Protein backbone atom coordinates (compact mmCIF):
# COMPACT_ATOMS: atom_id res chain seq x y z
CA UNK A 1 0.00 0.00 0.00
CA UNK A 2 1.19 3.49 -0.84
CA UNK A 3 2.26 5.69 2.04
CA UNK A 4 2.40 9.47 1.98
CA UNK A 5 3.54 10.29 5.49
CA UNK A 6 2.42 13.59 6.99
CA UNK A 7 4.53 15.65 9.38
CA UNK A 8 2.80 13.94 12.33
CA UNK A 9 3.03 10.43 10.89
CA UNK A 10 -0.51 10.06 9.58
CA UNK A 11 -0.68 8.38 6.19
CA UNK A 12 -2.19 10.96 3.83
CA UNK A 13 -2.59 8.22 1.18
CA UNK A 14 -5.49 6.82 3.23
CA UNK A 15 -7.18 10.19 3.82
CA UNK A 16 -10.50 10.64 2.04
CA UNK A 17 -9.76 14.31 1.32
CA UNK A 18 -6.56 13.43 -0.51
CA UNK A 19 -8.15 10.47 -2.30
CA UNK A 20 -11.06 12.66 -3.45
CA UNK A 21 -8.67 15.40 -4.57
CA UNK A 22 -6.36 13.11 -6.51
CA UNK A 23 -9.31 11.38 -8.23
CA UNK A 24 -11.37 14.59 -8.54
CA UNK A 25 -14.22 12.57 -7.01
CA UNK A 26 -17.12 14.83 -6.04
CA UNK A 27 -19.16 11.93 -4.66
CA UNK A 28 -16.36 11.06 -2.23
CA UNK A 29 -16.10 14.75 -1.30
CA UNK A 30 -19.82 14.74 -0.42
CA UNK A 31 -19.51 11.49 1.57
CA UNK A 32 -16.45 12.79 3.41
CA UNK A 33 -18.25 16.02 4.24
CA UNK A 34 -21.11 14.14 5.88
CA UNK A 35 -18.77 11.83 7.80
CA UNK A 36 -16.52 14.64 9.03
CA UNK A 37 -19.44 16.89 10.02
CA UNK A 38 -20.45 14.23 12.53
CA UNK A 39 -16.95 13.14 13.50
CA UNK A 40 -15.50 16.62 14.00
CA UNK A 41 -18.65 18.66 14.66
CA UNK A 42 -17.55 21.21 12.11
CA UNK A 43 -19.08 23.25 9.32
CA UNK A 44 -17.51 21.44 6.40
CA UNK A 45 -18.67 21.68 2.80
CA UNK A 46 -17.75 19.46 -0.17
CA UNK A 47 -15.84 22.40 -1.67
CA UNK A 48 -13.51 22.29 1.34
CA UNK A 49 -12.56 18.65 0.71
CA UNK A 50 -9.38 19.29 -1.24
CA UNK A 51 -5.90 18.29 -0.13
CA UNK A 52 -2.82 16.89 -1.85
CA UNK A 53 -1.23 15.81 1.43
CA UNK A 54 0.54 17.52 4.30
CA UNK A 55 3.99 17.52 2.77
CA UNK A 56 3.03 17.51 -0.90
CA UNK A 57 2.83 20.59 -3.11
CA UNK A 58 -0.68 21.86 -3.76
CA UNK A 59 -3.88 22.62 -1.94
CA UNK A 60 -4.37 21.73 1.74
CA UNK A 61 -7.52 20.98 3.70
CA UNK A 62 -8.26 23.84 6.12
CA UNK A 63 -7.04 21.93 9.19
CA UNK A 64 -3.92 20.73 7.43
CA UNK A 65 -2.90 24.21 6.34
CA UNK A 66 -3.31 25.49 9.92
CA UNK A 67 -2.00 22.41 11.77
CA UNK A 68 0.20 23.30 14.75
CA UNK A 69 2.27 20.15 14.31
CA UNK A 70 2.95 21.01 10.66
CA UNK A 71 3.88 24.58 11.67
CA UNK A 72 6.26 23.25 14.34
CA UNK A 73 7.96 20.87 11.90
CA UNK A 74 8.45 23.65 9.34
CA UNK A 75 9.72 26.11 11.96
CA UNK A 76 12.46 23.62 12.87
CA UNK A 77 13.36 22.99 9.23
CA UNK A 78 12.30 19.33 9.46
CA UNK A 79 10.36 17.20 7.01
CA UNK A 80 8.51 15.26 9.75
CA UNK A 81 8.43 14.87 13.50
CA UNK A 82 10.71 11.85 13.07
CA UNK A 83 13.64 14.27 12.95
CA UNK A 84 12.82 15.81 16.33
CA UNK A 85 14.51 14.73 19.56
CA UNK A 86 11.16 15.20 21.37
CA UNK A 87 9.36 12.66 19.16
CA UNK A 88 8.51 10.26 21.99
CA UNK A 89 7.48 12.97 24.47
CA UNK A 90 5.69 15.57 22.35
CA UNK A 91 2.31 16.56 23.81
CA UNK A 92 1.00 17.68 20.40
CA UNK A 93 1.75 14.29 18.87
CA UNK A 94 0.25 12.34 21.76
CA UNK A 95 -3.11 13.90 20.95
CA UNK A 96 -3.07 12.27 17.53
CA UNK A 97 -1.16 9.11 18.31
CA UNK A 98 -3.58 8.07 21.06
CA UNK A 99 -6.20 7.66 18.31
CA UNK A 100 -3.89 6.54 15.48
CA UNK A 101 -0.96 4.62 16.98
CA UNK A 102 0.22 3.63 13.48
CA UNK A 103 1.25 7.25 12.98
CA UNK A 104 4.13 6.83 15.45
CA UNK A 105 5.21 3.65 13.71
CA UNK A 106 5.15 5.51 10.38
CA UNK A 107 7.46 8.17 11.83
CA UNK A 108 9.82 5.59 13.31
CA UNK A 109 10.02 3.81 9.96
CA UNK A 110 11.41 7.00 8.38
CA UNK A 111 14.59 6.88 10.50
C-alpha atoms as a PDB file:
ATOM      1  CA  UNK A   1       0.000   0.000   0.000  1.00  0.00           C
ATOM      2  CA  UNK A   2       1.185   3.495  -0.841  1.00  0.00           C
ATOM      3  CA  UNK A   3       2.260   5.694   2.042  1.00  0.00           C
ATOM      4  CA  UNK A   4       2.399   9.472   1.984  1.00  0.00           C
ATOM      5  CA  UNK A   5       3.543  10.289   5.495  1.00  0.00           C
ATOM      6  CA  UNK A   6       2.425  13.594   6.992  1.00  0.00           C
ATOM      7  CA  UNK A   7       4.533  15.649   9.380  1.00  0.00           C
ATOM      8  CA  UNK A   8       2.804  13.936  12.328  1.00  0.00           C
ATOM      9  CA  UNK A   9       3.026  10.429  10.891  1.00  0.00           C
ATOM     10  CA  UNK A  10      -0.507  10.057   9.577  1.00  0.00           C
ATOM     11  CA  UNK A  11      -0.681   8.376   6.191  1.00  0.00           C
ATOM     12  CA  UNK A  12      -2.190  10.956   3.827  1.00  0.00           C
ATOM     13  CA  UNK A  13      -2.593   8.222   1.178  1.00  0.00           C
ATOM     14  CA  UNK A  14      -5.486   6.816   3.232  1.00  0.00           C
ATOM     15  CA  UNK A  15      -7.183  10.191   3.822  1.00  0.00           C
ATOM     16  CA  UNK A  16     -10.500  10.636   2.043  1.00  0.00           C
ATOM     17  CA  UNK A  17      -9.762  14.311   1.321  1.00  0.00           C
ATOM     18  CA  UNK A  18      -6.558  13.428  -0.512  1.00  0.00           C
ATOM     19  CA  UNK A  19      -8.150  10.475  -2.295  1.00  0.00           C
ATOM     20  CA  UNK A  20     -11.059  12.660  -3.451  1.00  0.00           C
ATOM     21  CA  UNK A  21      -8.670  15.403  -4.575  1.00  0.00           C
ATOM     22  CA  UNK A  22      -6.364  13.108  -6.510  1.00  0.00           C
ATOM     23  CA  UNK A  23      -9.315  11.378  -8.229  1.00  0.00           C
ATOM     24  CA  UNK A  24     -11.370  14.593  -8.538  1.00  0.00           C
ATOM     25  CA  UNK A  25     -14.221  12.574  -7.006  1.00  0.00           C
ATOM     26  CA  UNK A  26     -17.118  14.834  -6.037  1.00  0.00           C
ATOM     27  CA  UNK A  27     -19.162  11.934  -4.664  1.00  0.00           C
ATOM     28  CA  UNK A  28     -16.364  11.058  -2.231  1.00  0.00           C
ATOM     29  CA  UNK A  29     -16.099  14.749  -1.303  1.00  0.00           C
ATOM     30  CA  UNK A  30     -19.818  14.741  -0.424  1.00  0.00           C
ATOM     31  CA  UNK A  31     -19.514  11.494   1.571  1.00  0.00           C
ATOM     32  CA  UNK A  32     -16.447  12.788   3.410  1.00  0.00           C
ATOM     33  CA  UNK A  33     -18.252  16.020   4.238  1.00  0.00           C
ATOM     34  CA  UNK A  34     -21.107  14.140   5.885  1.00  0.00           C
ATOM     35  CA  UNK A  35     -18.771  11.828   7.798  1.00  0.00           C
ATOM     36  CA  UNK A  36     -16.516  14.644   9.028  1.00  0.00           C
ATOM     37  CA  UNK A  37     -19.441  16.887  10.017  1.00  0.00           C
ATOM     38  CA  UNK A  38     -20.450  14.230  12.528  1.00  0.00           C
ATOM     39  CA  UNK A  39     -16.947  13.141  13.496  1.00  0.00           C
ATOM     40  CA  UNK A  40     -15.499  16.623  14.003  1.00  0.00           C
ATOM     41  CA  UNK A  41     -18.655  18.660  14.658  1.00  0.00           C
ATOM     42  CA  UNK A  42     -17.549  21.208  12.109  1.00  0.00           C
ATOM     43  CA  UNK A  43     -19.084  23.246   9.324  1.00  0.00           C
ATOM     44  CA  UNK A  44     -17.506  21.436   6.401  1.00  0.00           C
ATOM     45  CA  UNK A  45     -18.671  21.679   2.796  1.00  0.00           C
ATOM     46  CA  UNK A  46     -17.747  19.460  -0.168  1.00  0.00           C
ATOM     47  CA  UNK A  47     -15.841  22.403  -1.666  1.00  0.00           C
ATOM     48  CA  UNK A  48     -13.511  22.292   1.343  1.00  0.00           C
ATOM     49  CA  UNK A  49     -12.564  18.651   0.714  1.00  0.00           C
ATOM     50  CA  UNK A  50      -9.377  19.294  -1.244  1.00  0.00           C
ATOM     51  CA  UNK A  51      -5.899  18.295  -0.130  1.00  0.00           C
ATOM     52  CA  UNK A  52      -2.825  16.895  -1.851  1.00  0.00           C
ATOM     53  CA  UNK A  53      -1.230  15.810   1.432  1.00  0.00           C
ATOM     54  CA  UNK A  54       0.537  17.523   4.301  1.00  0.00           C
ATOM     55  CA  UNK A  55       3.993  17.516   2.767  1.00  0.00           C
ATOM     56  CA  UNK A  56       3.026  17.512  -0.899  1.00  0.00           C
ATOM     57  CA  UNK A  57       2.826  20.594  -3.107  1.00  0.00           C
ATOM     58  CA  UNK A  58      -0.677  21.858  -3.758  1.00  0.00           C
ATOM     59  CA  UNK A  59      -3.878  22.623  -1.941  1.00  0.00           C
ATOM     60  CA  UNK A  60      -4.366  21.726   1.743  1.00  0.00           C
ATOM     61  CA  UNK A  61      -7.524  20.976   3.697  1.00  0.00           C
ATOM     62  CA  UNK A  62      -8.259  23.839   6.119  1.00  0.00           C
ATOM     63  CA  UNK A  63      -7.043  21.933   9.186  1.00  0.00           C
ATOM     64  CA  UNK A  64      -3.916  20.728   7.435  1.00  0.00           C
ATOM     65  CA  UNK A  65      -2.900  24.206   6.341  1.00  0.00           C
ATOM     66  CA  UNK A  66      -3.307  25.493   9.922  1.00  0.00           C
ATOM     67  CA  UNK A  67      -2.003  22.413  11.766  1.00  0.00           C
ATOM     68  CA  UNK A  68       0.200  23.303  14.755  1.00  0.00           C
ATOM     69  CA  UNK A  69       2.267  20.151  14.307  1.00  0.00           C
ATOM     70  CA  UNK A  70       2.953  21.011  10.664  1.00  0.00           C
ATOM     71  CA  UNK A  71       3.878  24.576  11.674  1.00  0.00           C
ATOM     72  CA  UNK A  72       6.257  23.251  14.337  1.00  0.00           C
ATOM     73  CA  UNK A  73       7.961  20.873  11.899  1.00  0.00           C
ATOM     74  CA  UNK A  74       8.447  23.654   9.342  1.00  0.00           C
ATOM     75  CA  UNK A  75       9.723  26.107  11.962  1.00  0.00           C
ATOM     76  CA  UNK A  76      12.460  23.624  12.869  1.00  0.00           C
ATOM     77  CA  UNK A  77      13.364  22.987   9.231  1.00  0.00           C
ATOM     78  CA  UNK A  78      12.302  19.332   9.461  1.00  0.00           C
ATOM     79  CA  UNK A  79      10.361  17.198   7.010  1.00  0.00           C
ATOM     80  CA  UNK A  80       8.514  15.265   9.750  1.00  0.00           C
ATOM     81  CA  UNK A  81       8.430  14.875  13.503  1.00  0.00           C
ATOM     82  CA  UNK A  82      10.709  11.845  13.070  1.00  0.00           C
ATOM     83  CA  UNK A  83      13.643  14.266  12.951  1.00  0.00           C
ATOM     84  CA  UNK A  84      12.819  15.812  16.327  1.00  0.00           C
ATOM     85  CA  UNK A  85      14.505  14.734  19.558  1.00  0.00           C
ATOM     86  CA  UNK A  86      11.163  15.199  21.369  1.00  0.00           C
ATOM     87  CA  UNK A  87       9.359  12.659  19.161  1.00  0.00           C
ATOM     88  CA  UNK A  88       8.509  10.259  21.987  1.00  0.00           C
ATOM     89  CA  UNK A  89       7.482  12.971  24.466  1.00  0.00           C
ATOM     90  CA  UNK A  90       5.687  15.570  22.348  1.00  0.00           C
ATOM     91  CA  UNK A  91       2.311  16.562  23.806  1.00  0.00           C
ATOM     92  CA  UNK A  92       1.003  17.675  20.400  1.00  0.00           C
ATOM     93  CA  UNK A  93       1.753  14.285  18.867  1.00  0.00           C
ATOM     94  CA  UNK A  94       0.254  12.343  21.760  1.00  0.00           C
ATOM     95  CA  UNK A  95      -3.112  13.901  20.950  1.00  0.00           C
ATOM     96  CA  UNK A  96      -3.073  12.266  17.527  1.00  0.00           C
ATOM     97  CA  UNK A  97      -1.160   9.114  18.315  1.00  0.00           C
ATOM     98  CA  UNK A  98      -3.577   8.069  21.055  1.00  0.00           C
ATOM     99  CA  UNK A  99      -6.199   7.657  18.312  1.00  0.00           C
ATOM    100  CA  UNK A 100      -3.890   6.537  15.484  1.00  0.00           C
ATOM    101  CA  UNK A 101      -0.955   4.620  16.976  1.00  0.00           C
ATOM    102  CA  UNK A 102       0.217   3.629  13.482  1.00  0.00           C
ATOM    103  CA  UNK A 103       1.253   7.254  12.985  1.00  0.00           C
ATOM    104  CA  UNK A 104       4.127   6.833  15.455  1.00  0.00           C
ATOM    105  CA  UNK A 105       5.208   3.649  13.706  1.00  0.00           C
ATOM    106  CA  UNK A 106       5.150   5.513  10.379  1.00  0.00           C
ATOM    107  CA  UNK A 107       7.463   8.166  11.827  1.00  0.00           C
ATOM    108  CA  UNK A 108       9.817   5.588  13.313  1.00  0.00           C
ATOM    109  CA  UNK A 109      10.019   3.814   9.956  1.00  0.00           C
ATOM    110  CA  UNK A 110      11.414   6.996   8.381  1.00  0.00           C
ATOM    111  CA  UNK A 111      14.593   6.885  10.500  1.00  0.00           C
END
